Amino acid sequence: MAALEFGNVQLRMIRFVLPSFQRHVFDSIRHRVSGLPFTDISPIFLPELCGAINLPPCTYIFAGFHVADETSKQVAAEVWQALEDDGWSRLLNHPLRFLQRQNLLEALHKRGVNHFRSYRLAELGAASPSFPVFLRSEYEHTGNLTGLLHTQAERCFKRMSV
């Protein structure tokens, strides 16, 4: 069975840390990761972490905090800091220092990691994207809204109907 390695520790558990109203985010993720060779993938909602002692060493992925209130973000940051201070877990997506999808894709392109670009619909008047393209929501976790669009005319038609 595969495991993520962090230092000399194999981390067989992945915990998604989420605000309680973001349960749908984990449901979407669970659907996409089913069948991966990890022992245990599950959510932990922020209220469950308040006052928690001895959290198990694992990979903690903080998600859904882009729409959380400031108090929830601060509490999540305190949990992050406690886990970081403990030093036994791998932590991803700091709740106060993350990039949302569009900004992350822009940063990855500028650094040369991604060879493709990402545009907001409002930017497309001045931008000239390379085809093929697809459309997706900036904030939803539902995948693409279209299949590959191969021409400008196709993109315009799909943009009007989405």
C-alpha atoms as a PDB file:
ATOM      1  CA  MET A   1       0.000   0.000   0.000  1.00  0.00           C
ATOM      2  CA  ALA A   2       1.358   3.445  -0.936  1.00  0.00           C
ATOM      3  CA  ALA A   3       1.936   6.194   1.573  1.00  0.00           C
ATOM      4  CA  LEU A   4       3.140   9.768   1.452  1.00  0.00           C
ATOM      5  CA  GLU A   5       6.543  10.178   3.053  1.00  0.00           C
ATOM      6  CA  PHE A   6       7.480  13.148   5.186  1.00  0.00           C
ATOM      7  CA  GLY A   7      10.969  12.933   6.582  1.00  0.00           C
ATOM      8  CA  ASN A   8      11.269   9.387   7.864  1.00  0.00           C
ATOM      9  CA  VAL A   9       7.545   9.096   8.624  1.00  0.00           C
ATOM     10  CA  GLN A  10       5.101   7.402   6.273  1.00  0.00           C
ATOM     11  CA  LEU A  11       1.781   9.214   6.361  1.00  0.00           C
ATOM     12  CA  ARG A  12      -0.979   6.788   5.455  1.00  0.00           C
ATOM     13  CA  MET A  13      -3.815   9.105   6.467  1.00  0.00           C
ATOM     14  CA  ILE A  14      -5.031  12.219   4.704  1.00  0.00           C
ATOM     15  CA  ARG A  15      -7.352  14.568   6.592  1.00  0.00           C
ATOM     16  CA  PHE A  16      -9.121  17.405   4.811  1.00  0.00           C
ATOM     17  CA  VAL A  17      -9.651  20.239   7.308  1.00  0.00           C
ATOM     18  CA  LEU A  18     -12.731  22.240   6.319  1.00  0.00           C
ATOM     19  CA  PRO A  19     -15.204  24.763   7.684  1.00  0.00           C
ATOM     20  CA  SER A  20     -18.350  22.824   8.655  1.00  0.00           C
ATOM     21  CA  PHE A  21     -20.462  24.450   5.903  1.00  0.00           C
ATOM     22  CA  GLN A  22     -18.027  23.173   3.258  1.00  0.00           C
ATOM     23  CA  ARG A  23     -18.981  19.472   3.516  1.00  0.00           C
ATOM     24  CA  HIS A  24     -19.777  19.480  -0.222  1.00  0.00           C
ATOM     25  CA  VAL A  25     -16.112  20.248  -0.962  1.00  0.00           C
ATOM     26  CA  PHE A  26     -15.041  16.983   0.641  1.00  0.00           C
ATOM     27  CA  ASP A  27     -17.859  15.083  -1.064  1.00  0.00           C
ATOM     28  CA  SER A  28     -16.497  16.314  -4.409  1.00  0.00           C
ATOM     29  CA  ILE A  29     -12.929  15.434  -3.439  1.00  0.00           C
ATOM     30  CA  ARG A  30     -13.914  11.989  -2.133  1.00  0.00           C
ATOM     31  CA  HIS A  31     -15.529  11.210  -5.475  1.00  0.00           C
ATOM     32  CA  ARG A  32     -12.343  12.180  -7.337  1.00  0.00           C
ATOM     33  CA  VAL A  33      -9.897  10.287  -5.107  1.00  0.00           C
ATOM     34  CA  SER A  34     -11.797   7.051  -4.672  1.00  0.00           C
ATOM     35  CA  GLY A  35      -9.498   4.182  -5.483  1.00  0.00           C
ATOM     36  CA  LEU A  36      -6.251   5.921  -4.508  1.00  0.00           C
ATOM     37  CA  PRO A  37      -4.009   3.611  -2.495  1.00  0.00           C
ATOM     38  CA  PHE A  38      -4.164   5.427   0.827  1.00  0.00           C
ATOM     39  CA  THR A  39      -5.370   3.742   3.974  1.00  0.00           C
ATOM     40  CA  ASP A  40      -7.610   6.532   5.124  1.00  0.00           C
ATOM     41  CA  ILE A  41      -8.950   9.726   3.530  1.00  0.00           C
ATOM     42  CA  SER A  42     -11.534  11.643   5.538  1.00  0.00           C
ATOM     43  CA  PRO A  43     -12.720  15.125   6.526  1.00  0.00           C
ATOM     44  CA  ILE A  44     -12.253  16.896   9.830  1.00  0.00           C
ATOM     45  CA  PHE A  45     -14.505  19.891  10.244  1.00  0.00           C
ATOM     46  CA  LEU A  46     -13.149  22.906  12.090  1.00  0.00           C
ATOM     47  CA  PRO A  47     -15.456  22.648  15.157  1.00  0.00           C
ATOM     48  CA  GLU A  48     -14.113  19.105  15.745  1.00  0.00           C
ATOM     49  CA  LEU A  49     -10.581  20.494  16.003  1.00  0.00           C
ATOM     50  CA  CYS A  50     -11.296  23.140  18.610  1.00  0.00           C
ATOM     51  CA  GLY A  51      -9.718  21.845  21.797  1.00  0.00           C
ATOM     52  CA  ALA A  52      -8.530  18.632  20.150  1.00  0.00           C
ATOM     53  CA  ILE A  53      -5.508  17.063  21.804  1.00  0.00           C
ATOM     54  CA  ASN A  54      -3.027  14.647  20.241  1.00  0.00           C
ATOM     55  CA  LEU A  55      -4.072  14.856  16.613  1.00  0.00           C
ATOM     56  CA  PRO A  56      -2.577  11.919  14.724  1.00  0.00           C
ATOM     57  CA  PRO A  57       0.444  12.450  12.476  1.00  0.00           C
ATOM     58  CA  CYS A  58      -0.830  12.527   8.899  1.00  0.00           C
ATOM     59  CA  THR A  59      -1.217  14.826   5.922  1.00  0.00           C
ATOM     60  CA  TYR A  60      -3.635  17.654   6.703  1.00  0.00           C
ATOM     61  CA  ILE A  61      -5.038  19.511   3.710  1.00  0.00           C
ATOM     62  CA  PHE A  62      -6.833  22.732   4.619  1.00  0.00           C
ATOM     63  CA  ALA A  63      -9.592  23.463   2.088  1.00  0.00           C
ATOM     64  CA  GLY A  64     -12.645  25.674   1.668  1.00  0.00           C
ATOM     65  CA  PHE A  65     -11.327  28.546   3.765  1.00  0.00           C
ATOM     66  CA  HIS A  66     -11.528  30.999   0.863  1.00  0.00           C
ATOM     67  CA  VAL A  67     -15.208  31.501   1.785  1.00  0.00           C
ATOM     68  CA  ALA A  68     -14.870  31.193   5.577  1.00  0.00           C
ATOM     69  CA  ASP A  69     -15.285  34.114   7.950  1.00  0.00           C
ATOM     70  CA  GLU A  70     -12.204  35.688   9.525  1.00  0.00           C
ATOM     71  CA  THR A  71     -12.754  33.973  12.892  1.00  0.00           C
ATOM     72  CA  SER A  72     -12.799  30.534  11.258  1.00  0.00           C
ATOM     73  CA  LYS A  73      -9.675  31.379   9.267  1.00  0.00           C
ATOM     74  CA  GLN A  74      -7.895  32.475  12.457  1.00  0.00           C
ATOM     75  CA  VAL A  75      -8.923  29.321  14.336  1.00  0.00           C
ATOM     76  CA  ALA A  76      -7.764  27.194  11.404  1.00  0.00           C
ATOM     77  CA  ALA A  77      -4.442  29.083  11.369  1.00  0.00           C
ATOM     78  CA  GLU A  78      -4.013  28.314  15.088  1.00  0.00           C
ATOM     79  CA  VAL A  79      -4.675  24.617  14.426  1.00  0.00           C
ATOM     80  CA  TRP A  80      -2.149  24.760  11.566  1.00  0.00           C
ATOM     81  CA  GLN A  81       0.434  26.343  13.880  1.00  0.00           C
ATOM     82  CA  ALA A  82      -0.112  23.702  16.578  1.00  0.00           C
ATOM     83  CA  LEU A  83       0.317  20.916  14.013  1.00  0.00           C
ATOM     84  CA  GLU A  84       3.397  22.623  12.575  1.00  0.00           C
ATOM     85  CA  ASP A  85       4.905  23.054  16.046  1.00  0.00           C
ATOM     86  CA  ASP A  86       4.358  19.353  16.719  1.00  0.00           C
ATOM     87  CA  GLY A  87       6.384  18.617  13.579  1.00  0.00           C
ATOM     88  CA  TRP A  88       4.984  15.174  12.759  1.00  0.00           C
ATOM     89  CA  SER A  89       2.453  16.021  10.075  1.00  0.00           C
ATOM     90  CA  ARG A  90       2.568  17.303   6.524  1.00  0.00           C
ATOM     91  CA  LEU A  91       0.477  20.466   6.083  1.00  0.00           C
ATOM     92  CA  LEU A  92      -0.928  21.827   2.808  1.00  0.00           C
ATOM     93  CA  ASN A  93      -2.861  25.048   1.991  1.00  0.00           C
ATOM     94  CA  HIS A  94      -2.338  27.395   4.933  1.00  0.00           C
ATOM     95  CA  PRO A  95      -5.781  28.895   5.685  1.00  0.00           C
ATOM     96  CA  LEU A  96      -4.442  32.469   5.598  1.00  0.00           C
ATOM     97  CA  ARG A  97      -1.797  32.202   2.847  1.00  0.00           C
ATOM     98  CA  PHE A  98      -3.382  30.263  -0.006  1.00  0.00           C
ATOM     99  CA  LEU A  99      -4.030  31.256  -3.607  1.00  0.00           C
ATOM    100  CA  GLN A 100      -7.462  30.769  -5.112  1.00  0.00           C
ATOM    101  CA  ARG A 101      -7.678  28.768  -8.337  1.00  0.00           C
ATOM    102  CA  GLN A 102      -7.272  31.627 -10.830  1.00  0.00           C
ATOM    103  CA  ASN A 103      -4.420  33.271  -8.946  1.00  0.00           C
ATOM    104  CA  LEU A 104      -2.684  29.918  -8.449  1.00  0.00           C
ATOM    105  CA  LEU A 105      -2.903  29.103 -12.162  1.00  0.00           C
ATOM    106  CA  GLU A 106      -1.536  32.565 -13.033  1.00  0.00           C
ATOM    107  CA  ALA A 107       1.376  32.137 -10.606  1.00  0.00           C
ATOM    108  CA  LEU A 108       2.194  28.664 -11.947  1.00  0.00           C
ATOM    109  CA  HIS A 109       2.197  29.982 -15.516  1.00  0.00           C
ATOM    110  CA  LYS A 110       4.426  32.961 -14.648  1.00  0.00           C
ATOM    111  CA  ARG A 111       6.923  30.623 -12.952  1.00  0.00           C
ATOM    112  CA  GLY A 112       6.976  28.346 -15.995  1.00  0.00           C
ATOM    113  CA  VAL A 113       5.377  25.382 -14.201  1.00  0.00           C
ATOM    114  CA  ASN A 114       2.257  25.427 -16.405  1.00  0.00           C
ATOM    115  CA  HIS A 115       2.612  26.021 -20.119  1.00  0.00           C
ATOM    116  CA  PHE A 116      -1.082  26.935 -20.366  1.00  0.00           C
ATOM    117  CA  ARG A 117      -2.896  30.106 -19.306  1.00  0.00           C
ATOM    118  CA  SER A 118      -6.085  30.666 -17.405  1.00  0.00           C
ATOM    119  CA  TYR A 119      -8.399  33.612 -18.057  1.00  0.00           C
ATOM    120  CA  ARG A 120     -11.488  35.047 -16.446  1.00  0.00           C
ATOM    121  CA  LEU A 121     -14.297  35.579 -18.958  1.00  0.00           C
ATOM    122  CA  ALA A 122     -14.050  39.344 -18.489  1.00  0.00           C
ATOM    123  CA  GLU A 123     -10.385  39.236 -19.591  1.00  0.00           C
ATOM    124  CA  LEU A 124     -11.042  37.471 -22.874  1.00  0.00           C
ATOM    125  CA  GLY A 125     -11.835  40.626 -24.832  1.00  0.00           C
ATOM    126  CA  ALA A 126      -8.213  41.768 -24.580  1.00  0.00           C
ATOM    127  CA  ALA A 127      -6.658  38.299 -24.389  1.00  0.00           C
ATOM    128  CA  SER A 128      -6.150  35.878 -27.213  1.00  0.00           C
ATOM    129  CA  PRO A 129      -6.127  32.351 -25.749  1.00  0.00           C
ATOM    130  CA  SER A 130      -4.498  29.424 -27.506  1.00  0.00           C
ATOM    131  CA  PHE A 131      -6.972  26.817 -28.649  1.00  0.00           C
ATOM    132  CA  PRO A 132      -8.260  24.335 -27.702  1.00  0.00           C
ATOM    133  CA  VAL A 133      -9.787  25.689 -24.467  1.00  0.00           C
ATOM    134  CA  PHE A 134     -12.507  24.682 -22.032  1.00  0.00           C
ATOM    135  CA  LEU A 135     -14.694  26.667 -19.675  1.00  0.00           C
ATOM    136  CA  ARG A 136     -15.021  26.042 -15.966  1.00  0.00           C
ATOM    137  CA  SER A 137     -16.326  27.958 -12.965  1.00  0.00           C
ATOM    138  CA  GLU A 138     -13.749  29.872 -10.969  1.00  0.00           C
ATOM    139  CA  TYR A 139     -15.250  28.899  -7.619  1.00  0.00           C
ATOM    140  CA  GLU A 140     -17.035  25.576  -8.054  1.00  0.00           C
ATOM    141  CA  HIS A 141     -15.565  22.095  -7.727  1.00  0.00           C
ATOM    142  CA  THR A 142     -17.683  20.563 -10.472  1.00  0.00           C
ATOM    143  CA  GLY A 143     -15.105  20.173 -13.218  1.00  0.00           C
ATOM    144  CA  ASN A 144     -15.326  21.625 -16.716  1.00  0.00           C
ATOM    145  CA  LEU A 145     -18.501  23.288 -17.959  1.00  0.00           C
ATOM    146  CA  THR A 146     -17.643  22.359 -21.560  1.00  0.00           C
ATOM    147  CA  GLY A 147     -15.575  19.885 -23.476  1.00  0.00           C
ATOM    148  CA  LEU A 148     -12.640  21.141 -25.504  1.00  0.00           C
ATOM    149  CA  LEU A 149     -13.552  24.120 -27.689  1.00  0.00           C
ATOM    150  CA  HIS A 150     -11.391  24.329 -30.795  1.00  0.00           C
ATOM    151  CA  THR A 151     -12.345  27.708 -32.274  1.00  0.00           C
ATOM    152  CA  GLN A 152     -13.212  31.260 -31.222  1.00  0.00           C
ATOM    153  CA  ALA A 153     -16.742  30.844 -32.602  1.00  0.00           C
ATOM    154  CA  GLU A 154     -17.273  27.675 -30.579  1.00  0.00           C
ATOM    155  CA  ARG A 155     -16.031  29.448 -27.438  1.00  0.00           C
ATOM    156  CA  CYS A 156     -18.396  32.391 -27.984  1.00  0.00           C
ATOM    157  CA  PHE A 157     -21.360  30.077 -28.542  1.00  0.00           C
ATOM    158  CA  LYS A 158     -20.622  28.007 -25.421  1.00  0.00           C
ATOM    159  CA  ARG A 159     -19.989  31.143 -23.351  1.00  0.00           C
ATOM    160  CA  MET A 160     -23.479  32.408 -24.224  1.00  0.00           C
ATOM    161  CA  SER A 161     -25.132  29.090 -23.384  1.00  0.00           C
ATOM    162  CA  VAL A 162     -23.321  28.351 -20.100  1.00  0.00           C
END
